[in-house]
Amino acid sequence: MNLRLPRSSQREPGGNALDYEIAQEQAAALGRLGRALEAALAAVAALSDHDRVGHESELTAGTRRRLVREAGYALWCFMVQREASGLHDQRLIFRDYRVPPEVQNCMGHLGPGDRPRRI
């Protein structure tokens, strides 16, 4: 993974230490947001598996919509951080994380009264 670093810090004395710190922070943020996305997608998948077994009456459609919206928000946060780090190919995220189309379609969408969980 190549991270784009600010050019100004490459010319300054001590810039390597700053570049290293920036790269560490970017990597930590990507890891944290990637784990949050995986957890949100797992919750959607678990609900889907639960529905297939025939337990639809126990879970409301509202729960599913909420989980999909939370996964969409986690996806949006992850993609924004990747873009800020210079990683621009979104198709890799969709493929590698197996993001369902319904989550892709609501990426970043929060409805009235929705409060995202802190990621």
PDB file of N, CA and C in Angstrom:
ATOM      1  N   MET A   1       0.840  -1.146   0.000  1.00  0.00           N
ATOM      2  CA  MET A   1       0.000   0.000   0.000  1.00  0.00           C
ATOM      3  C   MET A   1       0.900   1.229   0.000  1.00  0.00           C
ATOM      4  N   ASN A   2       0.682   2.121  -0.938  1.00  0.00           N
ATOM      5  CA  ASN A   2       1.445   3.358  -1.004  1.00  0.00           C
ATOM      6  C   ASN A   2       0.599   4.492  -0.478  1.00  0.00           C
ATOM      7  N   LEU A   3       1.143   5.244   0.452  1.00  0.00           N
ATOM      8  CA  LEU A   3       0.452   6.400   0.990  1.00  0.00           C
ATOM      9  C   LEU A   3       1.116   7.657   0.464  1.00  0.00           C
ATOM     10  N   ARG A   4       0.307   8.598   0.038  1.00  0.00           N
ATOM     11  CA  ARG A   4       0.821   9.865  -0.457  1.00  0.00           C
ATOM     12  C   ARG A   4       1.141  10.768   0.728  1.00  0.00           C
ATOM     13  N   LEU A   5       2.337  11.260   0.785  1.00  0.00           N
ATOM     14  CA  LEU A   5       2.762  12.120   1.872  1.00  0.00           C
ATOM     15  C   LEU A   5       2.872  13.553   1.379  1.00  0.00           C
ATOM     16  N   PRO A   6       2.686  14.513   2.256  1.00  0.00           N
ATOM     17  CA  PRO A   6       2.813  15.914   1.854  1.00  0.00           C
ATOM     18  C   PRO A   6       4.208  16.210   1.333  1.00  0.00           C
ATOM     19  N   ARG A   7       4.283  16.913   0.213  1.00  0.00           N
ATOM     20  CA  ARG A   7       5.581  17.226  -0.390  1.00  0.00           C
ATOM     21  C   ARG A   7       6.374  18.223   0.448  1.00  0.00           C
ATOM     22  N   SER A   8       5.696  19.134   1.107  1.00  0.00           N
ATOM     23  CA  SER A   8       6.405  20.165   1.858  1.00  0.00           C
ATOM     24  C   SER A   8       7.254  19.563   2.975  1.00  0.00           C
ATOM     25  N   SER A   9       6.785  18.512   3.604  1.00  0.00           N
ATOM     26  CA  SER A   9       7.543  17.937   4.708  1.00  0.00           C
ATOM     27  C   SER A   9       8.733  17.117   4.220  1.00  0.00           C
ATOM     28  N   GLN A  10       8.764  16.777   2.938  1.00  0.00           N
ATOM     29  CA  GLN A  10       9.889  15.995   2.426  1.00  0.00           C
ATOM     30  C   GLN A  10      11.139  16.851   2.271  1.00  0.00           C
ATOM     31  N   ARG A  11      10.980  18.163   2.151  1.00  0.00           N
ATOM     32  CA  ARG A  11      12.120  19.037   1.943  1.00  0.00           C
ATOM     33  C   ARG A  11      12.667  19.618   3.243  1.00  0.00           C
ATOM     34  N   GLU A  12      11.896  19.577   4.296  1.00  0.00           N
ATOM     35  CA  GLU A  12      12.304  20.180   5.554  1.00  0.00           C
ATOM     36  C   GLU A  12      13.216  19.230   6.333  1.00  0.00           C
ATOM     37  N   PRO A  13      14.172  19.799   7.077  1.00  0.00           N
ATOM     38  CA  PRO A  13      14.969  18.935   7.957  1.00  0.00           C
ATOM     39  C   PRO A  13      14.048  18.275   8.983  1.00  0.00           C
ATOM     40  N   GLY A  14      14.256  17.029   9.244  1.00  0.00           N
ATOM     41  CA  GLY A  14      13.395  16.322  10.184  1.00  0.00           C
ATOM     42  C   GLY A  14      12.072  15.900   9.551  1.00  0.00           C
ATOM     43  N   GLY A  15      11.932  16.132   8.266  1.00  0.00           N
ATOM     44  CA  GLY A  15      10.695  15.794   7.569  1.00  0.00           C
ATOM     45  C   GLY A  15      10.424  14.304   7.549  1.00  0.00           C
ATOM     46  N   ASN A  16      11.468  13.503   7.565  1.00  0.00           N
ATOM     47  CA  ASN A  16      11.269  12.059   7.554  1.00  0.00           C
ATOM     48  C   ASN A  16      10.543  11.582   8.800  1.00  0.00           C
ATOM     49  N   ALA A  17      10.866  12.167   9.938  1.00  0.00           N
ATOM     50  CA  ALA A  17      10.182  11.785  11.177  1.00  0.00           C
ATOM     51  C   ALA A  17       8.706  12.180  11.108  1.00  0.00           C
ATOM     52  N   LEU A  18       8.427  13.347  10.569  1.00  0.00           N
ATOM     53  CA  LEU A  18       7.047  13.795  10.421  1.00  0.00           C
ATOM     54  C   LEU A  18       6.296  12.911   9.432  1.00  0.00           C
ATOM     55  N   ASP A  19       6.947  12.591   8.318  1.00  0.00           N
ATOM     56  CA  ASP A  19       6.331  11.701   7.334  1.00  0.00           C
ATOM     57  C   ASP A  19       5.992  10.348   7.952  1.00  0.00           C
ATOM     58  N   TYR A  20       6.902   9.847   8.764  1.00  0.00           N
ATOM     59  CA  TYR A  20       6.690   8.566   9.424  1.00  0.00           C
ATOM     60  C   TYR A  20       5.482   8.633  10.356  1.00  0.00           C
ATOM     61  N   GLU A  21       5.370   9.703  11.124  1.00  0.00           N
ATOM     62  CA  GLU A  21       4.235   9.874  12.040  1.00  0.00           C
ATOM     63  C   GLU A  21       2.920   9.984  11.270  1.00  0.00           C
ATOM     64  N   ILE A  22       2.926  10.723  10.185  1.00  0.00           N
ATOM     65  CA  ILE A  22       1.718  10.870   9.361  1.00  0.00           C
ATOM     66  C   ILE A  22       1.307   9.518   8.796  1.00  0.00           C
ATOM     67  N   ALA A  23       2.267   8.769   8.271  1.00  0.00           N
ATOM     68  CA  ALA A  23       1.964   7.453   7.712  1.00  0.00           C
ATOM     69  C   ALA A  23       1.427   6.512   8.782  1.00  0.00           C
ATOM     70  N   GLN A  24       1.988   6.585   9.987  1.00  0.00           N
ATOM     71  CA  GLN A  24       1.485   5.753  11.083  1.00  0.00           C
ATOM     72  C   GLN A  24       0.036   6.089  11.419  1.00  0.00           C
ATOM     73  N   GLU A  25      -0.274   7.362  11.503  1.00  0.00           N
ATOM     74  CA  GLU A  25      -1.636   7.787  11.823  1.00  0.00           C
ATOM     75  C   GLU A  25      -2.613   7.379  10.727  1.00  0.00           C
ATOM     76  N   GLN A  26      -2.215   7.529   9.469  1.00  0.00           N
ATOM     77  CA  GLN A  26      -3.078   7.124   8.358  1.00  0.00           C
ATOM     78  C   GLN A  26      -3.346   5.623   8.400  1.00  0.00           C
ATOM     79  N   ALA A  27      -2.297   4.846   8.649  1.00  0.00           N
ATOM     80  CA  ALA A  27      -2.452   3.391   8.705  1.00  0.00           C
ATOM     81  C   ALA A  27      -3.342   2.982   9.874  1.00  0.00           C
ATOM     82  N   ALA A  28      -3.158   3.620  11.024  1.00  0.00           N
ATOM     83  CA  ALA A  28      -3.990   3.301  12.192  1.00  0.00           C
ATOM     84  C   ALA A  28      -5.451   3.638  11.929  1.00  0.00           C
ATOM     85  N   ALA A  29      -5.693   4.777  11.312  1.00  0.00           N
ATOM     86  CA  ALA A  29      -7.071   5.172  11.000  1.00  0.00           C
ATOM     87  C   ALA A  29      -7.695   4.210   9.994  1.00  0.00           C
ATOM     88  N   LEU A  30      -6.941   3.828   8.978  1.00  0.00           N
ATOM     89  CA  LEU A  30      -7.465   2.872   7.997  1.00  0.00           C
ATOM     90  C   LEU A  30      -7.793   1.539   8.657  1.00  0.00           C
ATOM     91  N   GLY A  31      -6.921   1.074   9.537  1.00  0.00           N
ATOM     92  CA  GLY A  31      -7.173  -0.189  10.230  1.00  0.00           C
ATOM     93  C   GLY A  31      -8.415  -0.126  11.098  1.00  0.00           C
ATOM     94  N   ARG A  32      -8.544   0.951  11.854  1.00  0.00           N
ATOM     95  CA  ARG A  32      -9.695   1.117  12.740  1.00  0.00           C
ATOM     96  C   ARG A  32     -10.997   1.203  11.933  1.00  0.00           C
ATOM     97  N   LEU A  33     -10.989   1.976  10.860  1.00  0.00           N
ATOM     98  CA  LEU A  33     -12.191   2.121  10.046  1.00  0.00           C
ATOM     99  C   LEU A  33     -12.500   0.841   9.262  1.00  0.00           C
ATOM    100  N   GLY A  34     -11.463   0.124   8.858  1.00  0.00           N
ATOM    101  CA  GLY A  34     -11.668  -1.156   8.173  1.00  0.00           C
ATOM    102  C   GLY A  34     -12.308  -2.183   9.095  1.00  0.00           C
ATOM    103  N   ARG A  35     -11.871  -2.221  10.340  1.00  0.00           N
ATOM    104  CA  ARG A  35     -12.486  -3.143  11.320  1.00  0.00           C
ATOM    105  C   ARG A  35     -13.938  -2.757  11.601  1.00  0.00           C
ATOM    106  N   ALA A  36     -14.209  -1.456  11.668  1.00  0.00           N
ATOM    107  CA  ALA A  36     -15.590  -1.004  11.887  1.00  0.00           C
ATOM    108  C   ALA A  36     -16.471  -1.394  10.704  1.00  0.00           C
ATOM    109  N   LEU A  37     -15.955  -1.275   9.499  1.00  0.00           N
ATOM    110  CA  LEU A  37     -16.705  -1.680   8.304  1.00  0.00           C
ATOM    111  C   LEU A  37     -16.960  -3.182   8.326  1.00  0.00           C
ATOM    112  N   GLU A  38     -15.946  -3.960   8.646  1.00  0.00           N
ATOM    113  CA  GLU A  38     -16.123  -5.413   8.718  1.00  0.00           C
ATOM    114  C   GLU A  38     -17.190  -5.797   9.734  1.00  0.00           C
ATOM    115  N   ALA A  39     -17.191  -5.150  10.893  1.00  0.00           N
ATOM    116  CA  ALA A  39     -18.184  -5.449  11.930  1.00  0.00           C
ATOM    117  C   ALA A  39     -19.589  -5.079  11.460  1.00  0.00           C
ATOM    118  N   ALA A  40     -19.721  -3.943  10.810  1.00  0.00           N
ATOM    119  CA  ALA A  40     -21.037  -3.518  10.323  1.00  0.00           C
ATOM    120  C   ALA A  40     -21.545  -4.459   9.235  1.00  0.00           C
ATOM    121  N   LEU A  41     -20.663  -4.866   8.340  1.00  0.00           N
ATOM    122  CA  LEU A  41     -21.058  -5.799   7.284  1.00  0.00           C
ATOM    123  C   LEU A  41     -21.407  -7.171   7.859  1.00  0.00           C
ATOM    124  N   ALA A  42     -20.692  -7.589   8.901  1.00  0.00           N
ATOM    125  CA  ALA A  42     -20.991  -8.865   9.552  1.00  0.00           C
ATOM    126  C   ALA A  42     -22.370  -8.826  10.200  1.00  0.00           C
ATOM    127  N   ALA A  43     -22.742  -7.690  10.778  1.00  0.00           N
ATOM    128  CA  ALA A  43     -24.070  -7.560  11.388  1.00  0.00           C
ATOM    129  C   ALA A  43     -25.165  -7.667  10.332  1.00  0.00           C
ATOM    130  N   VAL A  44     -24.950  -7.051   9.177  1.00  0.00           N
ATOM    131  CA  VAL A  44     -25.928  -7.151   8.084  1.00  0.00           C
ATOM    132  C   VAL A  44     -26.015  -8.587   7.589  1.00  0.00           C
ATOM    133  N   ALA A  45     -24.859  -9.235   7.429  1.00  0.00           N
ATOM    134  CA  ALA A  45     -24.840 -10.615   6.954  1.00  0.00           C
ATOM    135  C   ALA A  45     -25.502 -11.555   7.958  1.00  0.00           C
ATOM    136  N   ALA A  46     -25.260 -11.348   9.248  1.00  0.00           N
ATOM    137  CA  ALA A  46     -25.868 -12.203  10.273  1.00  0.00           C
ATOM    138  C   ALA A  46     -27.383 -12.052  10.255  1.00  0.00           C
ATOM    139  N   LEU A  47     -27.863 -10.851  10.064  1.00  0.00           N
ATOM    140  CA  LEU A  47     -29.298 -10.633   9.984  1.00  0.00           C
ATOM    141  C   LEU A  47     -29.877 -11.301   8.745  1.00  0.00           C
ATOM    142  N   SER A  48     -29.143 -11.230   7.640  1.00  0.00           N
ATOM    143  CA  SER A  48     -29.591 -11.882   6.412  1.00  0.00           C
ATOM    144  C   SER A  48     -29.653 -13.393   6.591  1.00  0.00           C
ATOM    145  N   ASP A  49     -28.637 -13.961   7.247  1.00  0.00           N
ATOM    146  CA  ASP A  49     -28.630 -15.401   7.513  1.00  0.00           C
ATOM    147  C   ASP A  49     -29.795 -15.775   8.435  1.00  0.00           C
ATOM    148  N   HIS A  50     -30.044 -14.946   9.411  1.00  0.00           N
ATOM    149  CA  HIS A  50     -31.130 -15.180  10.362  1.00  0.00           C
ATOM    150  C   HIS A  50     -32.475 -15.167   9.636  1.00  0.00           C
ATOM    151  N   ASP A  51     -32.633 -14.228   8.711  1.00  0.00           N
ATOM    152  CA  ASP A  51     -33.872 -14.133   7.939  1.00  0.00           C
ATOM    153  C   ASP A  51     -34.074 -15.360   7.053  1.00  0.00           C
ATOM    154  N   ARG A  52     -32.985 -15.876   6.488  1.00  0.00           N
ATOM    155  CA  ARG A  52     -33.097 -17.043   5.602  1.00  0.00           C
ATOM    156  C   ARG A  52     -33.565 -18.280   6.353  1.00  0.00           C
ATOM    157  N   VAL A  53     -33.241 -18.367   7.632  1.00  0.00           N
ATOM    158  CA  VAL A  53     -33.624 -19.532   8.423  1.00  0.00           C
ATOM    159  C   VAL A  53     -35.116 -19.479   8.767  1.00  0.00           C
ATOM    160  N   GLY A  54     -35.731 -18.325   8.608  1.00  0.00           N
ATOM    161  CA  GLY A  54     -37.168 -18.220   8.838  1.00  0.00           C
ATOM    162  C   GLY A  54     -37.534 -17.543  10.138  1.00  0.00           C
ATOM    163  N   HIS A  55     -36.666 -16.738  10.673  1.00  0.00           N
ATOM    164  CA  HIS A  55     -36.937 -16.048  11.930  1.00  0.00           C
ATOM    165  C   HIS A  55     -37.309 -14.588  11.690  1.00  0.00           C
ATOM    166  N   GLU A  56     -37.928 -14.305  10.562  1.00  0.00           N
ATOM    167  CA  GLU A  56     -38.235 -12.930  10.206  1.00  0.00           C
ATOM    168  C   GLU A  56     -39.129 -12.249  11.225  1.00  0.00           C
ATOM    169  N   SER A  57     -39.999 -12.995  11.882  1.00  0.00           N
ATOM    170  CA  SER A  57     -40.940 -12.378  12.807  1.00  0.00           C
ATOM    171  C   SER A  57     -40.242 -11.780  14.027  1.00  0.00           C
ATOM    172  N   GLU A  58     -39.071 -12.286  14.364  1.00  0.00           N
ATOM    173  CA  GLU A  58     -38.355 -11.781  15.532  1.00  0.00           C
ATOM    174  C   GLU A  58     -37.637 -10.459  15.256  1.00  0.00           C
ATOM    175  N   LEU A  59     -37.323 -10.220  14.038  1.00  0.00           N
ATOM    176  CA  LEU A  59     -36.580  -9.011  13.678  1.00  0.00           C
ATOM    177  C   LEU A  59     -37.417  -8.158  12.737  1.00  0.00           C
ATOM    178  N   THR A  60     -37.441  -6.891  12.992  1.00  0.00           N
ATOM    179  CA  THR A  60     -38.244  -6.001  12.169  1.00  0.00           C
ATOM    180  C   THR A  60     -37.472  -5.545  10.944  1.00  0.00           C
ATOM    181  N   ALA A  61     -38.224  -5.050   9.992  1.00  0.00           N
ATOM    182  CA  ALA A  61     -37.594  -4.488   8.802  1.00  0.00           C
ATOM    183  C   ALA A  61     -36.798  -3.247   9.180  1.00  0.00           C
ATOM    184  N   GLY A  62     -37.235  -2.545  10.213  1.00  0.00           N
ATOM    185  CA  GLY A  62     -36.522  -1.356  10.674  1.00  0.00           C
ATOM    186  C   GLY A  62     -35.126  -1.680  11.166  1.00  0.00           C
ATOM    187  N   THR A  63     -34.973  -2.829  11.797  1.00  0.00           N
ATOM    188  CA  THR A  63     -33.647  -3.239  12.273  1.00  0.00           C
ATOM    189  C   THR A  63     -32.715  -3.439  11.095  1.00  0.00           C
ATOM    190  N   ARG A  64     -33.219  -4.074  10.057  1.00  0.00           N
ATOM    191  CA  ARG A  64     -32.404  -4.305   8.868  1.00  0.00           C
ATOM    192  C   ARG A  64     -32.008  -2.979   8.227  1.00  0.00           C
ATOM    193  N   ARG A  65     -32.969  -2.072   8.086  1.00  0.00           N
ATOM    194  CA  ARG A  65     -32.658  -0.766   7.493  1.00  0.00           C
ATOM    195  C   ARG A  65     -31.607  -0.021   8.319  1.00  0.00           C
ATOM    196  N   ARG A  66     -31.724  -0.099   9.634  1.00  0.00           N
ATOM    197  CA  ARG A  66     -30.762   0.572  10.507  1.00  0.00           C
ATOM    198  C   ARG A  66     -29.363  -0.019  10.330  1.00  0.00           C
ATOM    199  N   LEU A  67     -29.275  -1.351  10.295  1.00  0.00           N
ATOM    200  CA  LEU A  67     -27.969  -1.998  10.127  1.00  0.00           C
ATOM    201  C   LEU A  67     -27.350  -1.676   8.767  1.00  0.00           C
ATOM    202  N   VAL A  68     -28.163  -1.644   7.738  1.00  0.00           N
ATOM    203  CA  VAL A  68     -27.660  -1.314   6.399  1.00  0.00           C
ATOM    204  C   VAL A  68     -27.177   0.129   6.368  1.00  0.00           C
ATOM    205  N   ARG A  69     -27.914   1.049   6.990  1.00  0.00           N
ATOM    206  CA  ARG A  69     -27.491   2.457   7.039  1.00  0.00           C
ATOM    207  C   ARG A  69     -26.190   2.608   7.827  1.00  0.00           C
ATOM    208  N   GLU A  70     -26.069   1.881   8.934  1.00  0.00           N
ATOM    209  CA  GLU A  70     -24.827   1.949   9.714  1.00  0.00           C
ATOM    210  C   GLU A  70     -23.649   1.398   8.912  1.00  0.00           C
ATOM    211  N   ALA A  71     -23.881   0.336   8.163  1.00  0.00           N
ATOM    212  CA  ALA A  71     -22.817  -0.216   7.318  1.00  0.00           C
ATOM    213  C   ALA A  71     -22.466   0.778   6.207  1.00  0.00           C
ATOM    214  N   GLY A  72     -23.470   1.453   5.658  1.00  0.00           N
ATOM    215  CA  GLY A  72     -23.217   2.474   4.638  1.00  0.00           C
ATOM    216  C   GLY A  72     -22.397   3.628   5.185  1.00  0.00           C
ATOM    217  N   TYR A  73     -22.672   4.011   6.419  1.00  0.00           N
ATOM    218  CA  TYR A  73     -21.910   5.084   7.052  1.00  0.00           C
ATOM    219  C   TYR A  73     -20.461   4.639   7.311  1.00  0.00           C
ATOM    220  N   ALA A  74     -20.286   3.405   7.777  1.00  0.00           N
ATOM    221  CA  ALA A  74     -18.941   2.875   8.005  1.00  0.00           C
ATOM    222  C   ALA A  74     -18.167   2.794   6.689  1.00  0.00           C
ATOM    223  N   LEU A  75     -18.849   2.404   5.619  1.00  0.00           N
ATOM    224  CA  LEU A  75     -18.225   2.343   4.298  1.00  0.00           C
ATOM    225  C   LEU A  75     -17.783   3.732   3.854  1.00  0.00           C
ATOM    226  N   TRP A  76     -18.641   4.710   4.056  1.00  0.00           N
ATOM    227  CA  TRP A  76     -18.319   6.082   3.669  1.00  0.00           C
ATOM    228  C   TRP A  76     -17.095   6.592   4.438  1.00  0.00           C
ATOM    229  N   CYS A  77     -17.069   6.367   5.748  1.00  0.00           N
ATOM    230  CA  CYS A  77     -15.927   6.806   6.570  1.00  0.00           C
ATOM    231  C   CYS A  77     -14.632   6.164   6.082  1.00  0.00           C
ATOM    232  N   PHE A  78     -14.684   4.874   5.787  1.00  0.00           N
ATOM    233  CA  PHE A  78     -13.501   4.143   5.328  1.00  0.00           C
ATOM    234  C   PHE A  78     -13.018   4.684   3.986  1.00  0.00           C
ATOM    235  N   MET A  79     -13.962   4.944   3.084  1.00  0.00           N
ATOM    236  CA  MET A  79     -13.590   5.428   1.761  1.00  0.00           C
ATOM    237  C   MET A  79     -13.014   6.844   1.823  1.00  0.00           C
ATOM    238  N   VAL A  80     -13.561   7.687   2.683  1.00  0.00           N
ATOM    239  CA  VAL A  80     -13.025   9.040   2.831  1.00  0.00           C
ATOM    240  C   VAL A  80     -11.581   8.980   3.328  1.00  0.00           C
ATOM    241  N   GLN A  81     -11.310   8.130   4.310  1.00  0.00           N
ATOM    242  CA  GLN A  81      -9.948   8.009   4.836  1.00  0.00           C
ATOM    243  C   GLN A  81      -9.000   7.467   3.773  1.00  0.00           C
ATOM    244  N   ARG A  82      -9.455   6.510   2.989  1.00  0.00           N
ATOM    245  CA  ARG A  82      -8.614   5.978   1.905  1.00  0.00           C
ATOM    246  C   ARG A  82      -8.288   7.076   0.895  1.00  0.00           C
ATOM    247  N   GLU A  83      -9.303   7.848   0.521  1.00  0.00           N
ATOM    248  CA  GLU A  83      -9.078   8.943  -0.424  1.00  0.00           C
ATOM    249  C   GLU A  83      -8.061   9.939   0.137  1.00  0.00           C
ATOM    250  N   ALA A  84      -8.193  10.277   1.418  1.00  0.00           N
ATOM    251  CA  ALA A  84      -7.273  11.220   2.052  1.00  0.00           C
ATOM    252  C   ALA A  84      -5.851  10.667   2.094  1.00  0.00           C
ATOM    253  N   SER A  85      -5.729   9.354   2.067  1.00  0.00           N
ATOM    254  CA  SER A  85      -4.416   8.715   2.100  1.00  0.00           C
ATOM    255  C   SER A  85      -3.845   8.492   0.706  1.00  0.00           C
ATOM    256  N   GLY A  86      -4.591   8.886  -0.324  1.00  0.00           N
ATOM    257  CA  GLY A  86      -4.113   8.739  -1.693  1.00  0.00           C
ATOM    258  C   GLY A  86      -4.487   7.427  -2.354  1.00  0.00           C
ATOM    259  N   LEU A  87      -5.386   6.667  -1.746  1.00  0.00           N
ATOM    260  CA  LEU A  87      -5.835   5.388  -2.308  1.00  0.00           C
ATOM    261  C   LEU A  87      -7.209   5.620  -2.936  1.00  0.00           C
ATOM    262  N   HIS A  88      -7.279   5.568  -4.248  1.00  0.00           N
ATOM    263  CA  HIS A  88      -8.480   6.049  -4.934  1.00  0.00           C
ATOM    264  C   HIS A  88      -9.363   4.965  -5.560  1.00  0.00           C
ATOM    265  N   ASP A  89      -8.938   3.728  -5.635  1.00  0.00           N
ATOM    266  CA  ASP A  89      -9.725   2.701  -6.325  1.00  0.00           C
ATOM    267  C   ASP A  89     -10.775   2.110  -5.383  1.00  0.00           C
ATOM    268  N   GLN A  90     -12.008   2.567  -5.520  1.00  0.00           N
ATOM    269  CA  GLN A  90     -13.094   2.123  -4.650  1.00  0.00           C
ATOM    270  C   GLN A  90     -13.537   0.698  -4.969  1.00  0.00           C
ATOM    271  N   ARG A  91     -13.327   0.270  -6.185  1.00  0.00           N
ATOM    272  CA  ARG A  91     -13.747  -1.087  -6.557  1.00  0.00           C
ATOM    273  C   ARG A  91     -13.079  -2.146  -5.700  1.00  0.00           C
ATOM    274  N   LEU A  92     -11.850  -1.875  -5.275  1.00  0.00           N
ATOM    275  CA  LEU A  92     -11.145  -2.832  -4.422  1.00  0.00           C
ATOM    276  C   LEU A  92     -11.871  -3.024  -3.097  1.00  0.00           C
ATOM    277  N   ILE A  93     -12.396  -1.958  -2.541  1.00  0.00           N
ATOM    278  CA  ILE A  93     -13.129  -2.047  -1.278  1.00  0.00           C
ATOM    279  C   ILE A  93     -14.367  -2.908  -1.463  1.00  0.00           C
ATOM    280  N   PHE A  94     -15.132  -2.618  -2.500  1.00  0.00           N
ATOM    281  CA  PHE A  94     -16.371  -3.358  -2.744  1.00  0.00           C
ATOM    282  C   PHE A  94     -16.087  -4.848  -2.929  1.00  0.00           C
ATOM    283  N   ARG A  95     -15.000  -5.150  -3.630  1.00  0.00           N
ATOM    284  CA  ARG A  95     -14.660  -6.546  -3.888  1.00  0.00           C
ATOM    285  C   ARG A  95     -14.071  -7.229  -2.649  1.00  0.00           C
ATOM    286  N   ASP A  96     -13.072  -6.617  -2.055  1.00  0.00           N
ATOM    287  CA  ASP A  96     -12.362  -7.252  -0.947  1.00  0.00           C
ATOM    288  C   ASP A  96     -13.219  -7.400   0.308  1.00  0.00           C
ATOM    289  N   TYR A  97     -14.082  -6.436   0.561  1.00  0.00           N
ATOM    290  CA  TYR A  97     -14.938  -6.491   1.746  1.00  0.00           C
ATOM    291  C   TYR A  97     -16.307  -7.106   1.432  1.00  0.00           C
ATOM    292  N   ARG A  98     -16.533  -7.456   0.172  1.00  0.00           N
ATOM    293  CA  ARG A  98     -17.806  -8.058  -0.271  1.00  0.00           C
ATOM    294  C   ARG A  98     -18.991  -7.204   0.184  1.00  0.00           C
ATOM    295  N   VAL A  99     -18.938  -5.945  -0.192  1.00  0.00           N
ATOM    296  CA  VAL A  99     -19.976  -4.990   0.204  1.00  0.00           C
ATOM    297  C   VAL A  99     -21.212  -5.226  -0.656  1.00  0.00           C
ATOM    298  N   PRO A 100     -22.345  -5.554  -0.019  1.00  0.00           N
ATOM    299  CA  PRO A 100     -23.562  -5.772  -0.796  1.00  0.00           C
ATOM    300  C   PRO A 100     -24.038  -4.482  -1.468  1.00  0.00           C
ATOM    301  N   PRO A 101     -24.716  -4.615  -2.599  1.00  0.00           N
ATOM    302  CA  PRO A 101     -25.205  -3.428  -3.310  1.00  0.00           C
ATOM    303  C   PRO A 101     -26.092  -2.529  -2.451  1.00  0.00           C
ATOM    304  N   GLU A 102     -26.901  -3.105  -1.567  1.00  0.00           N
ATOM    305  CA  GLU A 102     -27.775  -2.274  -0.738  1.00  0.00           C
ATOM    306  C   GLU A 102     -26.973  -1.372   0.194  1.00  0.00           C
ATOM    307  N   VAL A 103     -25.803  -1.830   0.635  1.00  0.00           N
ATOM    308  CA  VAL A 103     -24.941  -1.000   1.484  1.00  0.00           C
ATOM    309  C   VAL A 103     -24.251   0.057   0.623  1.00  0.00           C
ATOM    310  N   GLN A 104     -23.813  -0.325  -0.566  1.00  0.00           N
ATOM    311  CA  GLN A 104     -23.193   0.639  -1.481  1.00  0.00           C
ATOM    312  C   GLN A 104     -24.165   1.763  -1.811  1.00  0.00           C
ATOM    313  N   ASN A 105     -25.423   1.420  -2.014  1.00  0.00           N
ATOM    314  CA  ASN A 105     -26.424   2.408  -2.408  1.00  0.00           C
ATOM    315  C   ASN A 105     -26.740   3.418  -1.310  1.00  0.00           C
ATOM    316  N   CYS A 106     -26.533   3.051  -0.066  1.00  0.00           N
ATOM    317  CA  CYS A 106     -26.836   4.003   1.010  1.00  0.00           C
ATOM    318  C   CYS A 106     -25.567   4.543   1.650  1.00  0.00           C
ATOM    319  N   MET A 107     -24.441   4.414   0.972  1.00  0.00           N
ATOM    320  CA  MET A 107     -23.165   4.861   1.505  1.00  0.00           C
ATOM    321  C   MET A 107     -23.226   6.335   1.895  1.00  0.00           C
ATOM    322  N   GLY A 108     -22.950   6.590   3.160  1.00  0.00           N
ATOM    323  CA  GLY A 108     -22.908   7.955   3.649  1.00  0.00           C
ATOM    324  C   GLY A 108     -24.259   8.564   3.939  1.00  0.00           C
ATOM    325  N   HIS A 109     -25.334   7.856   3.661  1.00  0.00           N
ATOM    326  CA  HIS A 109     -26.669   8.408   3.869  1.00  0.00           C
ATOM    327  C   HIS A 109     -27.103   8.214   5.317  1.00  0.00           C
ATOM    328  N   LEU A 110     -27.515   9.292   5.919  1.00  0.00           N
ATOM    329  CA  LEU A 110     -28.121   9.232   7.243  1.00  0.00           C
ATOM    330  C   LEU A 110     -29.440   9.984   7.151  1.00  0.00           C
ATOM    331  N   GLY A 111     -30.479   9.346   7.568  1.00  0.00           N
ATOM    332  CA  GLY A 111     -31.791   9.969   7.518  1.00  0.00           C
ATOM    333  C   GLY A 111     -32.027  10.896   8.691  1.00  0.00           C
ATOM    334  N   PRO A 112     -33.169  11.579   8.690  1.00  0.00           N
ATOM    335  CA  PRO A 112     -33.491  12.476   9.806  1.00  0.00           C
ATOM    336  C   PRO A 112     -33.531  11.686  11.116  1.00  0.00           C
ATOM    337  N   GLY A 113     -32.888  12.217  12.107  1.00  0.00           N
ATOM    338  CA  GLY A 113     -32.884  11.574  13.417  1.00  0.00           C
ATOM    339  C   GLY A 113     -31.876  10.460  13.578  1.00  0.00           C
ATOM    340  N   ASP A 114     -31.185  10.108  12.498  1.00  0.00           N
ATOM    341  CA  ASP A 114     -30.150   9.067  12.599  1.00  0.00           C
ATOM    342  C   ASP A 114     -28.906   9.657  13.226  1.00  0.00           C
ATOM    343  N   ARG A 115     -28.388   8.955  14.170  1.00  0.00           N
ATOM    344  CA  ARG A 115     -27.100   9.345  14.753  1.00  0.00           C
ATOM    345  C   ARG A 115     -26.163   8.178  14.580  1.00  0.00           C
ATOM    346  N   PRO A 116     -25.077   8.357  13.832  1.00  0.00           N
ATOM    347  CA  PRO A 116     -24.157   7.247  13.644  1.00  0.00           C
ATOM    348  C   PRO A 116     -23.435   6.909  14.938  1.00  0.00           C
ATOM    349  N   ARG A 117     -23.126   5.640  15.084  1.00  0.00           N
ATOM    350  CA  ARG A 117     -22.286   5.242  16.210  1.00  0.00           C
ATOM    351  C   ARG A 117     -20.894   5.758  15.963  1.00  0.00           C
ATOM    352  N   ARG A 118     -20.212   6.065  17.032  1.00  0.00           N
ATOM    353  CA  ARG A 118     -18.847   6.553  16.880  1.00  0.00           C
ATOM    354  C   ARG A 118     -17.967   5.428  16.379  1.00  0.00           C
ATOM    355  N   ILE A 119     -17.212   5.730  15.355  1.00  0.00           N
ATOM    356  CA  ILE A 119     -16.339   4.716  14.740  1.00  0.00           C
ATOM    357  C   ILE A 119     -14.940   4.898  15.252  1.00  0.00           C
TER     358      ILE A 119
END
